PDB file of N, CA and C in Angstrom:
ATOM      1  N   UNK A   1     -74.546   6.113 -14.874  1.00  0.00           N
ATOM      2  CA  UNK A   1     -73.565   7.014 -15.414  1.00  0.00           C
ATOM      3  C   UNK A   1     -72.599   7.458 -14.301  1.00  0.00           C
ATOM      4  N   UNK A   2     -73.090   7.623 -13.162  1.00  0.00           N
ATOM      5  CA  UNK A   2     -72.275   8.057 -12.053  1.00  0.00           C
ATOM      6  C   UNK A   2     -71.179   7.044 -11.720  1.00  0.00           C
ATOM      7  N   UNK A   3     -71.502   5.775 -11.752  1.00  0.00           N
ATOM      8  CA  UNK A   3     -70.509   4.742 -11.462  1.00  0.00           C
ATOM      9  C   UNK A   3     -69.426   4.672 -12.535  1.00  0.00           C
ATOM     10  N   UNK A   4     -69.812   4.946 -13.772  1.00  0.00           N
ATOM     11  CA  UNK A   4     -68.835   4.941 -14.863  1.00  0.00           C
ATOM     12  C   UNK A   4     -67.862   6.109 -14.672  1.00  0.00           C
ATOM     13  N   UNK A   5     -68.328   7.238 -14.286  1.00  0.00           N
ATOM     14  CA  UNK A   5     -67.432   8.366 -14.082  1.00  0.00           C
ATOM     15  C   UNK A   5     -66.496   8.108 -12.892  1.00  0.00           C
ATOM     16  N   UNK A   6     -66.979   7.440 -11.871  1.00  0.00           N
ATOM     17  CA  UNK A   6     -66.133   7.087 -10.731  1.00  0.00           C
ATOM     18  C   UNK A   6     -65.057   6.111 -11.178  1.00  0.00           C
ATOM     19  N   UNK A   7     -65.451   5.139 -11.971  1.00  0.00           N
ATOM     20  CA  UNK A   7     -64.478   4.175 -12.498  1.00  0.00           C
ATOM     21  C   UNK A   7     -63.422   4.877 -13.356  1.00  0.00           C
ATOM     22  N   UNK A   8     -63.850   5.787 -14.176  1.00  0.00           N
ATOM     23  CA  UNK A   8     -62.920   6.515 -15.025  1.00  0.00           C
ATOM     24  C   UNK A   8     -61.941   7.339 -14.174  1.00  0.00           C
ATOM     25  N   UNK A   9     -62.436   8.043 -13.157  1.00  0.00           N
ATOM     26  CA  UNK A   9     -61.573   8.821 -12.260  1.00  0.00           C
ATOM     27  C   UNK A   9     -60.593   7.912 -11.522  1.00  0.00           C
ATOM     28  N   UNK A  10     -61.066   6.772 -11.067  1.00  0.00           N
ATOM     29  CA  UNK A  10     -60.188   5.822 -10.368  1.00  0.00           C
ATOM     30  C   UNK A  10     -59.105   5.279 -11.297  1.00  0.00           C
ATOM     31  N   UNK A  11     -59.498   5.034 -12.530  1.00  0.00           N
ATOM     32  CA  UNK A  11     -58.521   4.544 -13.512  1.00  0.00           C
ATOM     33  C   UNK A  11     -57.431   5.597 -13.742  1.00  0.00           C
ATOM     34  N   UNK A  12     -57.804   6.864 -13.843  1.00  0.00           N
ATOM     35  CA  UNK A  12     -56.837   7.938 -14.037  1.00  0.00           C
ATOM     36  C   UNK A  12     -55.918   8.050 -12.811  1.00  0.00           C
ATOM     37  N   UNK A  13     -56.466   7.925 -11.626  1.00  0.00           N
ATOM     38  CA  UNK A  13     -55.658   7.968 -10.404  1.00  0.00           C
ATOM     39  C   UNK A  13     -54.674   6.805 -10.380  1.00  0.00           C
ATOM     40  N   UNK A  14     -55.168   5.624 -10.770  1.00  0.00           N
ATOM     41  CA  UNK A  14     -54.284   4.447 -10.805  1.00  0.00           C
ATOM     42  C   UNK A  14     -53.152   4.636 -11.818  1.00  0.00           C
ATOM     43  N   UNK A  15     -53.460   5.187 -12.961  1.00  0.00           N
ATOM     44  CA  UNK A  15     -52.431   5.445 -13.975  1.00  0.00           C
ATOM     45  C   UNK A  15     -51.399   6.433 -13.440  1.00  0.00           C
ATOM     46  N   UNK A  16     -51.875   7.489 -12.796  1.00  0.00           N
ATOM     47  CA  UNK A  16     -50.969   8.488 -12.239  1.00  0.00           C
ATOM     48  C   UNK A  16     -50.074   7.860 -11.171  1.00  0.00           C
ATOM     49  N   UNK A  17     -50.670   7.113 -10.275  1.00  0.00           N
ATOM     50  CA  UNK A  17     -49.889   6.448  -9.211  1.00  0.00           C
ATOM     51  C   UNK A  17     -48.930   5.410  -9.801  1.00  0.00           C
ATOM     52  N   UNK A  18     -49.375   4.710 -10.823  1.00  0.00           N
ATOM     53  CA  UNK A  18     -48.523   3.718 -11.486  1.00  0.00           C
ATOM     54  C   UNK A  18     -47.311   4.388 -12.138  1.00  0.00           C
ATOM     55  N   UNK A  19     -47.525   5.527 -12.773  1.00  0.00           N
ATOM     56  CA  UNK A  19     -46.418   6.269 -13.391  1.00  0.00           C
ATOM     57  C   UNK A  19     -45.436   6.769 -12.333  1.00  0.00           C
ATOM     58  N   UNK A  20     -45.970   7.270 -11.216  1.00  0.00           N
ATOM     59  CA  UNK A  20     -45.111   7.707 -10.117  1.00  0.00           C
ATOM     60  C   UNK A  20     -44.284   6.531  -9.595  1.00  0.00           C
ATOM     61  N   UNK A  21     -44.941   5.398  -9.432  1.00  0.00           N
ATOM     62  CA  UNK A  21     -44.254   4.206  -8.933  1.00  0.00           C
ATOM     63  C   UNK A  21     -43.160   3.755  -9.898  1.00  0.00           C
ATOM     64  N   UNK A  22     -43.436   3.768 -11.184  1.00  0.00           N
ATOM     65  CA  UNK A  22     -42.422   3.394 -12.170  1.00  0.00           C
ATOM     66  C   UNK A  22     -41.234   4.351 -12.109  1.00  0.00           C
ATOM     67  N   UNK A  23     -41.512   5.616 -11.954  1.00  0.00           N
ATOM     68  CA  UNK A  23     -40.446   6.606 -11.850  1.00  0.00           C
ATOM     69  C   UNK A  23     -39.604   6.350 -10.600  1.00  0.00           C
ATOM     70  N   UNK A  24     -40.258   6.068  -9.476  1.00  0.00           N
ATOM     71  CA  UNK A  24     -39.533   5.761  -8.240  1.00  0.00           C
ATOM     72  C   UNK A  24     -38.705   4.485  -8.373  1.00  0.00           C
ATOM     73  N   UNK A  25     -39.230   3.496  -9.054  1.00  0.00           N
ATOM     74  CA  UNK A  25     -38.500   2.233  -9.257  1.00  0.00           C
ATOM     75  C   UNK A  25     -37.255   2.478 -10.115  1.00  0.00           C
ATOM     76  N   UNK A  26     -37.396   3.291 -11.165  1.00  0.00           N
ATOM     77  CA  UNK A  26     -36.233   3.606 -12.006  1.00  0.00           C
ATOM     78  C   UNK A  26     -35.159   4.330 -11.199  1.00  0.00           C
ATOM     79  N   UNK A  27     -35.595   5.302 -10.387  1.00  0.00           N
ATOM     80  CA  UNK A  27     -34.638   6.042  -9.563  1.00  0.00           C
ATOM     81  C   UNK A  27     -33.973   5.113  -8.556  1.00  0.00           C
ATOM     82  N   UNK A  28     -34.767   4.239  -7.970  1.00  0.00           N
ATOM     83  CA  UNK A  28     -34.227   3.275  -7.005  1.00  0.00           C
ATOM     84  C   UNK A  28     -33.211   2.344  -7.678  1.00  0.00           C
ATOM     85  N   UNK A  29     -33.496   1.916  -8.889  1.00  0.00           N
ATOM     86  CA  UNK A  29     -32.566   1.049  -9.623  1.00  0.00           C
ATOM     87  C   UNK A  29     -31.244   1.762  -9.881  1.00  0.00           C
ATOM     88  N   UNK A  30     -31.329   3.051 -10.266  1.00  0.00           N
ATOM     89  CA  UNK A  30     -30.111   3.831 -10.474  1.00  0.00           C
ATOM     90  C   UNK A  30     -29.327   3.957  -9.170  1.00  0.00           C
ATOM     91  N   UNK A  31     -30.039   4.220  -8.068  1.00  0.00           N
ATOM     92  CA  UNK A  31     -29.376   4.342  -6.763  1.00  0.00           C
ATOM     93  C   UNK A  31     -28.687   3.035  -6.369  1.00  0.00           C
ATOM     94  N   UNK A  32     -29.365   1.919  -6.619  1.00  0.00           N
ATOM     95  CA  UNK A  32     -28.787   0.617  -6.283  1.00  0.00           C
ATOM     96  C   UNK A  32     -27.518   0.376  -7.091  1.00  0.00           C
ATOM     97  N   UNK A  33     -27.530   0.722  -8.362  1.00  0.00           N
ATOM     98  CA  UNK A  33     -26.333   0.556  -9.205  1.00  0.00           C
ATOM     99  C   UNK A  33     -25.190   1.445  -8.710  1.00  0.00           C
ATOM    100  N   UNK A  34     -25.518   2.673  -8.310  1.00  0.00           N
ATOM    101  CA  UNK A  34     -24.476   3.560  -7.789  1.00  0.00           C
ATOM    102  C   UNK A  34     -23.901   3.017  -6.485  1.00  0.00           C
ATOM    103  N   UNK A  35     -24.757   2.531  -5.610  1.00  0.00           N
ATOM    104  CA  UNK A  35     -24.283   1.941  -4.350  1.00  0.00           C
ATOM    105  C   UNK A  35     -23.424   0.712  -4.627  1.00  0.00           C
ATOM    106  N   UNK A  36     -23.831  -0.057  -5.612  1.00  0.00           N
ATOM    107  CA  UNK A  36     -23.061  -1.249  -5.977  1.00  0.00           C
ATOM    108  C   UNK A  36     -21.663  -0.853  -6.460  1.00  0.00           C
ATOM    109  N   UNK A  37     -21.599   0.177  -7.308  1.00  0.00           N
ATOM    110  CA  UNK A  37     -20.298   0.660  -7.788  1.00  0.00           C
ATOM    111  C   UNK A  37     -19.443   1.185  -6.637  1.00  0.00           C
ATOM    112  N   UNK A  38     -20.078   1.930  -5.728  1.00  0.00           N
ATOM    113  CA  UNK A  38     -19.337   2.459  -4.575  1.00  0.00           C
ATOM    114  C   UNK A  38     -18.799   1.337  -3.685  1.00  0.00           C
ATOM    115  N   UNK A  39     -19.599   0.295  -3.464  1.00  0.00           N
ATOM    116  CA  UNK A  39     -19.124  -0.799  -2.618  1.00  0.00           C
ATOM    117  C   UNK A  39     -17.999  -1.564  -3.301  1.00  0.00           C
ATOM    118  N   UNK A  40     -18.051  -1.683  -4.619  1.00  0.00           N
ATOM    119  CA  UNK A  40     -16.939  -2.323  -5.338  1.00  0.00           C
ATOM    120  C   UNK A  40     -15.663  -1.506  -5.212  1.00  0.00           C
ATOM    121  N   UNK A  41     -15.794  -0.176  -5.324  1.00  0.00           N
ATOM    122  CA  UNK A  41     -14.618   0.693  -5.178  1.00  0.00           C
ATOM    123  C   UNK A  41     -14.067   0.596  -3.755  1.00  0.00           C
ATOM    124  N   UNK A  42     -14.941   0.580  -2.774  1.00  0.00           N
ATOM    125  CA  UNK A  42     -14.506   0.453  -1.381  1.00  0.00           C
ATOM    126  C   UNK A  42     -13.808  -0.885  -1.163  1.00  0.00           C
ATOM    127  N   UNK A  43     -14.374  -1.936  -1.721  1.00  0.00           N
ATOM    128  CA  UNK A  43     -13.776  -3.265  -1.588  1.00  0.00           C
ATOM    129  C   UNK A  43     -12.379  -3.295  -2.198  1.00  0.00           C
ATOM    130  N   UNK A  44     -12.231  -2.699  -3.383  1.00  0.00           N
ATOM    131  CA  UNK A  44     -10.913  -2.645  -4.030  1.00  0.00           C
ATOM    132  C   UNK A  44      -9.927  -1.823  -3.208  1.00  0.00           C
ATOM    133  N   UNK A  45     -10.391  -0.714  -2.653  1.00  0.00           N
ATOM    134  CA  UNK A  45      -9.514   0.114  -1.816  1.00  0.00           C
ATOM    135  C   UNK A  45      -9.059  -0.645  -0.582  1.00  0.00           C
ATOM    136  N   UNK A  46      -9.971  -1.377   0.026  1.00  0.00           N
ATOM    137  CA  UNK A  46      -9.609  -2.171   1.203  1.00  0.00           C
ATOM    138  C   UNK A  46      -8.611  -3.270   0.845  1.00  0.00           C
ATOM    139  N   UNK A  47      -8.778  -3.866  -0.328  1.00  0.00           N
ATOM    140  CA  UNK A  47      -7.818  -4.881  -0.776  1.00  0.00           C
ATOM    141  C   UNK A  47      -6.442  -4.256  -0.977  1.00  0.00           C
ATOM    142  N   UNK A  48      -6.415  -3.060  -1.578  1.00  0.00           N
ATOM    143  CA  UNK A  48      -5.132  -2.378  -1.774  1.00  0.00           C
ATOM    144  C   UNK A  48      -4.483  -2.053  -0.439  1.00  0.00           C
ATOM    145  N   UNK A  49      -5.277  -1.597   0.517  1.00  0.00           N
ATOM    146  CA  UNK A  49      -4.729  -1.327   1.847  1.00  0.00           C
ATOM    147  C   UNK A  49      -4.184  -2.607   2.466  1.00  0.00           C
ATOM    148  N   UNK A  50      -4.874  -3.702   2.264  1.00  0.00           N
ATOM    149  CA  UNK A  50      -4.386  -4.989   2.761  1.00  0.00           C
ATOM    150  C   UNK A  50      -3.074  -5.366   2.109  1.00  0.00           C
ATOM    151  N   UNK A  51      -2.963  -5.104   0.791  1.00  0.00           N
ATOM    152  CA  UNK A  51      -1.716  -5.385   0.089  1.00  0.00           C
ATOM    153  C   UNK A  51      -0.580  -4.529   0.641  1.00  0.00           C
ATOM    154  N   UNK A  52      -0.858  -3.260   0.890  1.00  0.00           N
ATOM    155  CA  UNK A  52       0.160  -2.363   1.444  1.00  0.00           C
ATOM    156  C   UNK A  52       0.561  -2.832   2.839  1.00  0.00           C
ATOM    157  N   UNK A  53      -0.420  -3.205   3.643  1.00  0.00           N
ATOM    158  CA  UNK A  53      -0.117  -3.691   4.994  1.00  0.00           C
ATOM    159  C   UNK A  53       0.731  -4.957   4.924  1.00  0.00           C
ATOM    160  N   UNK A  54       0.407  -5.841   4.005  1.00  0.00           N
ATOM    161  CA  UNK A  54       1.192  -7.062   3.833  1.00  0.00           C
ATOM    162  C   UNK A  54       2.620  -6.714   3.431  1.00  0.00           C
ATOM    163  N   UNK A  55       2.770  -5.762   2.509  1.00  0.00           N
ATOM    164  CA  UNK A  55       4.098  -5.336   2.069  1.00  0.00           C
ATOM    165  C   UNK A  55       4.881  -4.750   3.241  1.00  0.00           C
ATOM    166  N   UNK A  56       4.216  -3.906   4.041  1.00  0.00           N
ATOM    167  CA  UNK A  56       4.874  -3.305   5.195  1.00  0.00           C
ATOM    168  C   UNK A  56       5.308  -4.392   6.176  1.00  0.00           C
ATOM    169  N   UNK A  57       4.449  -5.377   6.397  1.00  0.00           N
ATOM    170  CA  UNK A  57       4.796  -6.471   7.307  1.00  0.00           C
ATOM    171  C   UNK A  57       6.007  -7.249   6.803  1.00  0.00           C
ATOM    172  N   UNK A  58       6.064  -7.480   5.501  1.00  0.00           N
ATOM    173  CA  UNK A  58       7.213  -8.197   4.928  1.00  0.00           C
ATOM    174  C   UNK A  58       8.502  -7.392   5.084  1.00  0.00           C
ATOM    175  N   UNK A  59       8.431  -6.101   4.800  1.00  0.00           N
ATOM    176  CA  UNK A  59       9.610  -5.245   4.945  1.00  0.00           C
ATOM    177  C   UNK A  59      10.052  -5.212   6.407  1.00  0.00           C
ATOM    178  N   UNK A  60       9.088  -5.090   7.311  1.00  0.00           N
ATOM    179  CA  UNK A  60       9.419  -5.053   8.736  1.00  0.00           C
ATOM    180  C   UNK A  60      10.083  -6.361   9.168  1.00  0.00           C
ATOM    181  N   UNK A  61       9.565  -7.485   8.691  1.00  0.00           N
ATOM    182  CA  UNK A  61      10.161  -8.780   9.030  1.00  0.00           C
ATOM    183  C   UNK A  61      11.585  -8.873   8.489  1.00  0.00           C
ATOM    184  N   UNK A  62      11.779  -8.448   7.238  1.00  0.00           N
ATOM    185  CA  UNK A  62      13.117  -8.489   6.642  1.00  0.00           C
ATOM    186  C   UNK A  62      14.090  -7.597   7.411  1.00  0.00           C
ATOM    187  N   UNK A  63      13.638  -6.424   7.805  1.00  0.00           N
ATOM    188  CA  UNK A  63      14.501  -5.521   8.564  1.00  0.00           C
ATOM    189  C   UNK A  63      14.862  -6.114   9.929  1.00  0.00           C
ATOM    190  N   UNK A  64      13.925  -6.799  10.559  1.00  0.00           N
ATOM    191  CA  UNK A  64      14.214  -7.443  11.839  1.00  0.00           C
ATOM    192  C   UNK A  64      15.255  -8.543  11.657  1.00  0.00           C
ATOM    193  N   UNK A  65      15.135  -9.287  10.574  1.00  0.00           N
ATOM    194  CA  UNK A  65      16.106 -10.350  10.290  1.00  0.00           C
ATOM    195  C   UNK A  65      17.490  -9.738  10.066  1.00  0.00           C
ATOM    196  N   UNK A  66      17.543  -8.686   9.264  1.00  0.00           N
ATOM    197  CA  UNK A  66      18.829  -8.031   8.985  1.00  0.00           C
ATOM    198  C   UNK A  66      19.425  -7.467  10.270  1.00  0.00           C
ATOM    199  N   UNK A  67      18.592  -6.814  11.070  1.00  0.00           N
ATOM    200  CA  UNK A  67      19.072  -6.224  12.322  1.00  0.00           C
ATOM    201  C   UNK A  67      19.597  -7.289  13.269  1.00  0.00           C
ATOM    202  N   UNK A  68      18.835  -8.357  13.426  1.00  0.00           N
ATOM    203  CA  UNK A  68      19.287  -9.409  14.352  1.00  0.00           C
ATOM    204  C   UNK A  68      20.546 -10.095  13.822  1.00  0.00           C
ATOM    205  N   UNK A  69      20.657 -10.249  12.510  1.00  0.00           N
ATOM    206  CA  UNK A  69      21.865 -10.846  11.936  1.00  0.00           C
ATOM    207  C   UNK A  69      23.076  -9.954  12.178  1.00  0.00           C
ATOM    208  N   UNK A  70      22.912  -8.661  11.957  1.00  0.00           N
ATOM    209  CA  UNK A  70      24.021  -7.739  12.203  1.00  0.00           C
ATOM    210  C   UNK A  70      24.390  -7.699  13.687  1.00  0.00           C
ATOM    211  N   UNK A  71      23.380  -7.685  14.552  1.00  0.00           N
ATOM    212  CA  UNK A  71      23.671  -7.686  15.992  1.00  0.00           C
ATOM    213  C   UNK A  71      24.407  -8.962  16.390  1.00  0.00           C
ATOM    214  N   UNK A  72      23.970 -10.093  15.855  1.00  0.00           N
ATOM    215  CA  UNK A  72      24.623 -11.361  16.163  1.00  0.00           C
ATOM    216  C   UNK A  72      26.057 -11.353  15.657  1.00  0.00           C
ATOM    217  N   UNK A  73      26.250 -10.871  14.439  1.00  0.00           N
ATOM    218  CA  UNK A  73      27.588 -10.831  13.842  1.00  0.00           C
ATOM    219  C   UNK A  73      28.511  -9.925  14.657  1.00  0.00           C
ATOM    220  N   UNK A  74      28.007  -8.773  15.065  1.00  0.00           N
ATOM    221  CA  UNK A  74      28.835  -7.840  15.836  1.00  0.00           C
ATOM    222  C   UNK A  74      29.130  -8.387  17.229  1.00  0.00           C
ATOM    223  N   UNK A  75      28.206  -9.092  17.825  1.00  0.00           N
ATOM    224  CA  UNK A  75      28.430  -9.660  19.150  1.00  0.00           C
ATOM    225  C   UNK A  75      29.349 -10.871  19.088  1.00  0.00           C
ATOM    226  N   UNK A  76      29.274 -11.611  18.000  1.00  0.00           N
ATOM    227  CA  UNK A  76      30.059 -12.839  17.891  1.00  0.00           C
ATOM    228  C   UNK A  76      31.529 -12.563  17.620  1.00  0.00           C
ATOM    229  N   UNK A  77      31.838 -11.503  16.886  1.00  0.00           N
ATOM    230  CA  UNK A  77      33.213 -11.276  16.464  1.00  0.00           C
ATOM    231  C   UNK A  77      33.652  -9.828  16.672  1.00  0.00           C
ATOM    232  N   UNK A  78      33.515  -9.256  17.861  1.00  0.00           N
ATOM    233  CA  UNK A  78      33.917  -7.850  18.021  1.00  0.00           C
ATOM    234  C   UNK A  78      35.413  -7.654  17.860  1.00  0.00           C
ATOM    235  N   UNK A  79      36.222  -8.585  18.326  1.00  0.00           N
ATOM    236  CA  UNK A  79      37.671  -8.418  18.198  1.00  0.00           C
ATOM    237  C   UNK A  79      38.106  -8.586  16.753  1.00  0.00           C
ATOM    238  N   UNK A  80      37.471  -9.490  16.048  1.00  0.00           N
ATOM    239  CA  UNK A  80      37.834  -9.691  14.644  1.00  0.00           C
ATOM    240  C   UNK A  80      37.483  -8.448  13.824  1.00  0.00           C
ATOM    241  N   UNK A  81      36.339  -7.814  14.123  1.00  0.00           N
ATOM    242  CA  UNK A  81      35.979  -6.582  13.409  1.00  0.00           C
ATOM    243  C   UNK A  81      37.009  -5.489  13.667  1.00  0.00           C
ATOM    244  N   UNK A  82      37.443  -5.362  14.905  1.00  0.00           N
ATOM    245  CA  UNK A  82      38.454  -4.352  15.241  1.00  0.00           C
ATOM    246  C   UNK A  82      39.770  -4.672  14.551  1.00  0.00           C
ATOM    247  N   UNK A  83      40.180  -5.945  14.540  1.00  0.00           N
ATOM    248  CA  UNK A  83      41.420  -6.335  13.879  1.00  0.00           C
ATOM    249  C   UNK A  83      41.361  -6.042  12.389  1.00  0.00           C
ATOM    250  N   UNK A  84      40.226  -6.281  11.759  1.00  0.00           N
ATOM    251  CA  UNK A  84      40.083  -5.990  10.330  1.00  0.00           C
ATOM    252  C   UNK A  84      40.214  -4.498  10.057  1.00  0.00           C
ATOM    253  N   UNK A  85      39.649  -3.668  10.937  1.00  0.00           N
ATOM    254  CA  UNK A  85      39.752  -2.219  10.756  1.00  0.00           C
ATOM    255  C   UNK A  85      41.202  -1.774  10.881  1.00  0.00           C
ATOM    256  N   UNK A  86      41.928  -2.313  11.858  1.00  0.00           N
ATOM    257  CA  UNK A  86      43.340  -1.972  12.036  1.00  0.00           C
ATOM    258  C   UNK A  86      44.145  -2.448  10.842  1.00  0.00           C
ATOM    259  N   UNK A  87      43.880  -3.655  10.374  1.00  0.00           N
ATOM    260  CA  UNK A  87      44.584  -4.206   9.225  1.00  0.00           C
ATOM    261  C   UNK A  87      44.370  -3.332   7.995  1.00  0.00           C
ATOM    262  N   UNK A  88      43.158  -2.874   7.784  1.00  0.00           N
ATOM    263  CA  UNK A  88      42.887  -2.021   6.628  1.00  0.00           C
ATOM    264  C   UNK A  88      43.660  -0.701   6.746  1.00  0.00           C
ATOM    265  N   UNK A  89      43.724  -0.143   7.938  1.00  0.00           N
ATOM    266  CA  UNK A  89      44.449   1.106   8.120  1.00  0.00           C
ATOM    267  C   UNK A  89      45.943   0.903   7.897  1.00  0.00           C
ATOM    268  N   UNK A  90      46.476  -0.216   8.370  1.00  0.00           N
ATOM    269  CA  UNK A  90      47.910  -0.500   8.217  1.00  0.00           C
ATOM    270  C   UNK A  90      48.294  -0.737   6.764  1.00  0.00           C
ATOM    271  N   UNK A  91      47.381  -1.250   5.965  1.00  0.00           N
ATOM    272  CA  UNK A  91      47.714  -1.554   4.571  1.00  0.00           C
ATOM    273  C   UNK A  91      47.354  -0.408   3.639  1.00  0.00           C
ATOM    274  N   UNK A  92      47.147   0.784   4.198  1.00  0.00           N
ATOM    275  CA  UNK A  92      46.808   1.938   3.371  1.00  0.00           C
ATOM    276  C   UNK A  92      47.983   2.287   2.467  1.00  0.00           C
ATOM    277  N   UNK A  93      47.655   2.658   1.269  1.00  0.00           N
ATOM    278  CA  UNK A  93      48.667   3.083   0.311  1.00  0.00           C
ATOM    279  C   UNK A  93      48.508   4.577   0.092  1.00  0.00           C
ATOM    280  N   UNK A  94      49.642   5.267   0.008  1.00  0.00           N
ATOM    281  CA  UNK A  94      49.625   6.694  -0.252  1.00  0.00           C
ATOM    282  C   UNK A  94      50.097   6.896  -1.672  1.00  0.00           C
ATOM    283  N   UNK A  95      49.128   7.090  -2.589  1.00  0.00           N
ATOM    284  CA  UNK A  95      49.443   7.125  -4.011  1.00  0.00           C
ATOM    285  C   UNK A  95      49.603   8.524  -4.579  1.00  0.00           C
ATOM    286  N   UNK A  96      49.484   9.533  -3.766  1.00  0.00           N
ATOM    287  CA  UNK A  96      49.584  10.892  -4.270  1.00  0.00           C
ATOM    288  C   UNK A  96      51.009  11.153  -4.746  1.00  0.00           C
ATOM    289  N   UNK A  97      51.180  11.621  -5.971  1.00  0.00           N
ATOM    290  CA  UNK A  97      52.502  11.842  -6.555  1.00  0.00           C
ATOM    291  C   UNK A  97      53.239  12.997  -5.909  1.00  0.00           C
ATOM    292  N   UNK A  98      52.506  13.899  -5.269  1.00  0.00           N
ATOM    293  CA  UNK A  98      53.143  15.044  -4.626  1.00  0.00           C
ATOM    294  C   UNK A  98      53.497  14.750  -3.188  1.00  0.00           C
ATOM    295  N   UNK A  99      53.267  13.544  -2.723  1.00  0.00           N
ATOM    296  CA  UNK A  99      53.607  13.178  -1.363  1.00  0.00           C
ATOM    297  C   UNK A  99      52.518  13.480  -0.348  1.00  0.00           C
ATOM    298  N   UNK A 100      51.387  13.990  -0.808  1.00  0.00           N
ATOM    299  CA  UNK A 100      50.279  14.252   0.114  1.00  0.00           C
ATOM    300  C   UNK A 100      49.608  12.928   0.496  1.00  0.00           C
ATOM    301  N   UNK A 101      49.287  12.803   1.770  1.00  0.00           N
ATOM    302  CA  UNK A 101      48.665  11.537   2.182  1.00  0.00           C
ATOM    303  C   UNK A 101      47.212  11.443   1.713  1.00  0.00           C
ATOM    304  N   UNK A 102      46.968  10.618   0.718  1.00  0.00           N
ATOM    305  CA  UNK A 102      45.611  10.302   0.260  1.00  0.00           C
ATOM    306  C   UNK A 102      45.494   8.788   0.285  1.00  0.00           C
ATOM    307  N   UNK A 103      45.109   8.253   1.421  1.00  0.00           N
ATOM    308  CA  UNK A 103      45.111   6.799   1.553  1.00  0.00           C
ATOM    309  C   UNK A 103      44.005   6.124   0.753  1.00  0.00           C
ATOM    310  N   UNK A 104      44.361   4.972   0.230  1.00  0.00           N
ATOM    311  CA  UNK A 104      43.357   4.070  -0.348  1.00  0.00           C
ATOM    312  C   UNK A 104      43.533   2.757   0.409  1.00  0.00           C
ATOM    313  N   UNK A 105      42.475   2.209   0.847  1.00  0.00           N
ATOM    314  CA  UNK A 105      42.528   1.029   1.705  1.00  0.00           C
ATOM    315  C   UNK A 105      42.272  -0.242   0.901  1.00  0.00           C
ATOM    316  N   UNK A 106      43.157  -1.192   1.094  1.00  0.00           N
ATOM    317  CA  UNK A 106      43.024  -2.474   0.436  1.00  0.00           C
ATOM    318  C   UNK A 106      41.836  -3.213   1.025  1.00  0.00           C
ATOM    319  N   UNK A 107      41.027  -3.769   0.174  1.00  0.00           N
ATOM    320  CA  UNK A 107      39.841  -4.556   0.573  1.00  0.00           C
ATOM    321  C   UNK A 107      38.842  -3.765   1.402  1.00  0.00           C
ATOM    322  N   UNK A 108      38.807  -2.463   1.229  1.00  0.00           N
ATOM    323  CA  UNK A 108      37.839  -1.658   1.959  1.00  0.00           C
ATOM    324  C   UNK A 108      36.478  -1.832   1.274  1.00  0.00           C
ATOM    325  N   UNK A 109      35.419  -2.050   2.048  1.00  0.00           N
ATOM    326  CA  UNK A 109      34.123  -2.340   1.421  1.00  0.00           C
ATOM    327  C   UNK A 109      33.537  -1.181   0.636  1.00  0.00           C
ATOM    328  N   UNK A 110      33.966   0.040   0.876  1.00  0.00           N
ATOM    329  CA  UNK A 110      33.430   1.173   0.145  1.00  0.00           C
ATOM    330  C   UNK A 110      34.255   1.552  -1.064  1.00  0.00           C
ATOM    331  N   UNK A 111      35.343   0.885  -1.292  1.00  0.00           N
ATOM    332  CA  UNK A 111      36.186   1.201  -2.451  1.00  0.00           C
ATOM    333  C   UNK A 111      36.136   0.103  -3.473  1.00  0.00           C
TER     334      UNK A 111
END
C-alpha cells in the first residue's frame, strides 16, 4: 500500500509539473511571436531608412550635376552672360502711360 501511495503522489507531482511546463511553453510561444513581429517591424523600418538614404543620395547626385553644369556654363561664357544682361537692359520698354519708368525686359527669364 505504501508504494501505491508513493506512485500516486509522484503522479500528482508529474501532472503539476507538466501543467506548469505547458503554461511556460504557451508563454514562450507568445513571446516568440511578439519577437518575430518586432523583428519584422525593425526590418521594415531599416528598409525604409535605406530607401530614404537612397533618395537622399540621388538628390545629392542630381544637385552636384546641376551645380557643376552651372559652374561650367558660367566659366565657359562669362562675357556672353554679361552681354545678355546688358542687351536685356537696353531693350527695356517703358509702358507706363503716365511716363513713369516701369521697365519690362524682352526675353527676360522671369517674365
